[in-house]
Amino acid sequence: MYGILNEKEGFAYRGAFIIDPEGKIQSIIINPQPVGRNIDEILRIIAGLQFNRKTGRGAQAGWVPGDPGIKLGWEYVGKY
């Protein structure tokens, strides 16, 4: 259903899908078959999405829970 099954070769890619409570896909991570997923990054993405819903701020690259995050909007592009 999510396009990770390679029927021709007979394997599934390593996929992780983060779906919000409304059923909307918020993140898709698909790695090639020999490369596993990084649970720490998946948990960071979930925490970042929850942080955004709570504060309206973004979770930039390298963000970890407890960081202040960044303001979002075109006027802030290139400022961080």
Protein backbone atom coordinates (compact mmCIF):
# COMPACT_ATOMS: atom_id res chain seq x y z
CA MET A 1 0.00 0.00 0.00
CA TYR A 2 2.88 2.39 0.75
CA GLY A 3 5.13 1.31 -2.10
CA ILE A 4 7.87 -0.46 -0.15
CA LEU A 5 7.32 -3.97 -1.48
CA ASN A 6 9.57 -4.83 -4.41
CA GLU A 7 7.55 -7.71 -5.84
CA LYS A 8 9.94 -8.26 -8.76
CA GLU A 9 12.91 -8.86 -6.45
CA GLY A 10 10.89 -10.39 -3.61
CA PHE A 11 11.73 -8.07 -0.70
CA ALA A 12 10.48 -4.99 1.10
CA TYR A 13 12.47 -1.79 1.44
CA ARG A 14 13.06 -0.60 5.00
CA GLY A 15 10.22 1.85 5.52
CA ALA A 16 8.88 3.90 8.39
CA PHE A 17 5.74 6.01 8.16
CA ILE A 18 4.67 8.51 10.80
CA ILE A 19 0.92 9.09 10.63
CA ASP A 20 -0.77 11.72 12.76
CA PRO A 21 -3.98 11.17 14.76
CA GLU A 22 -6.03 12.51 11.82
CA GLY A 23 -4.60 9.80 9.54
CA LYS A 24 -2.32 12.16 7.55
CA ILE A 25 1.17 10.95 6.70
CA GLN A 26 3.64 13.36 8.29
CA SER A 27 6.92 11.59 7.51
CA ILE A 28 8.14 8.88 5.17
CA ILE A 29 11.54 7.25 5.49
CA ILE A 30 12.46 4.58 2.95
CA ASN A 31 15.89 2.99 2.99
CA PRO A 32 17.30 0.44 0.55
CA GLN A 33 16.92 -3.19 1.57
CA PRO A 34 20.39 -3.61 3.16
CA VAL A 35 20.13 -0.43 5.29
CA GLY A 36 18.11 -0.38 8.51
CA ARG A 37 16.09 2.45 10.00
CA ASN A 38 17.34 4.73 12.76
CA ILE A 39 14.90 4.56 15.69
CA ASP A 40 16.53 7.58 17.37
CA GLU A 41 15.76 9.73 14.30
CA ILE A 42 12.21 8.37 14.06
CA LEU A 43 11.62 9.26 17.72
CA ARG A 44 13.18 12.71 17.15
CA ILE A 45 10.79 13.33 14.25
CA ILE A 46 7.78 12.33 16.37
CA ALA A 47 8.97 14.61 19.19
CA GLY A 48 9.51 17.43 16.68
CA LEU A 49 6.01 17.05 15.26
CA GLN A 50 4.53 17.09 18.76
CA PHE A 51 6.69 20.12 19.62
CA ASN A 52 5.40 21.94 16.53
CA ARG A 53 1.77 21.19 17.38
CA LYS A 54 2.31 22.50 20.90
CA THR A 55 4.40 25.61 20.14
CA GLY A 56 3.98 26.41 16.44
CA ARG A 57 7.78 26.43 16.14
CA GLY A 58 9.93 24.26 13.89
CA ALA A 59 12.35 21.52 14.85
CA GLN A 60 15.38 22.28 12.69
CA ALA A 61 18.14 19.85 11.73
CA GLY A 62 19.91 18.74 14.89
CA TRP A 63 16.95 19.77 17.08
CA VAL A 64 16.48 17.72 20.23
CA PRO A 65 13.68 17.93 22.80
CA GLY A 66 14.34 20.87 25.11
CA ASP A 67 15.78 23.07 22.34
CA PRO A 68 13.78 26.28 21.64
CA GLY A 69 13.14 25.45 17.98
CA ILE A 70 12.81 28.08 15.28
CA LYS A 71 10.10 30.45 14.07
CA LEU A 72 8.47 29.34 10.84
CA GLY A 73 7.64 31.45 7.81
CA TRP A 74 9.20 32.80 4.62
CA GLU A 75 10.51 35.84 6.48
CA TYR A 76 12.79 33.54 8.53
CA VAL A 77 14.33 31.59 5.63
CA GLY A 78 18.10 31.92 5.78
CA LYS A 79 18.07 33.44 9.27
CA TYR A 80 18.98 30.22 11.09
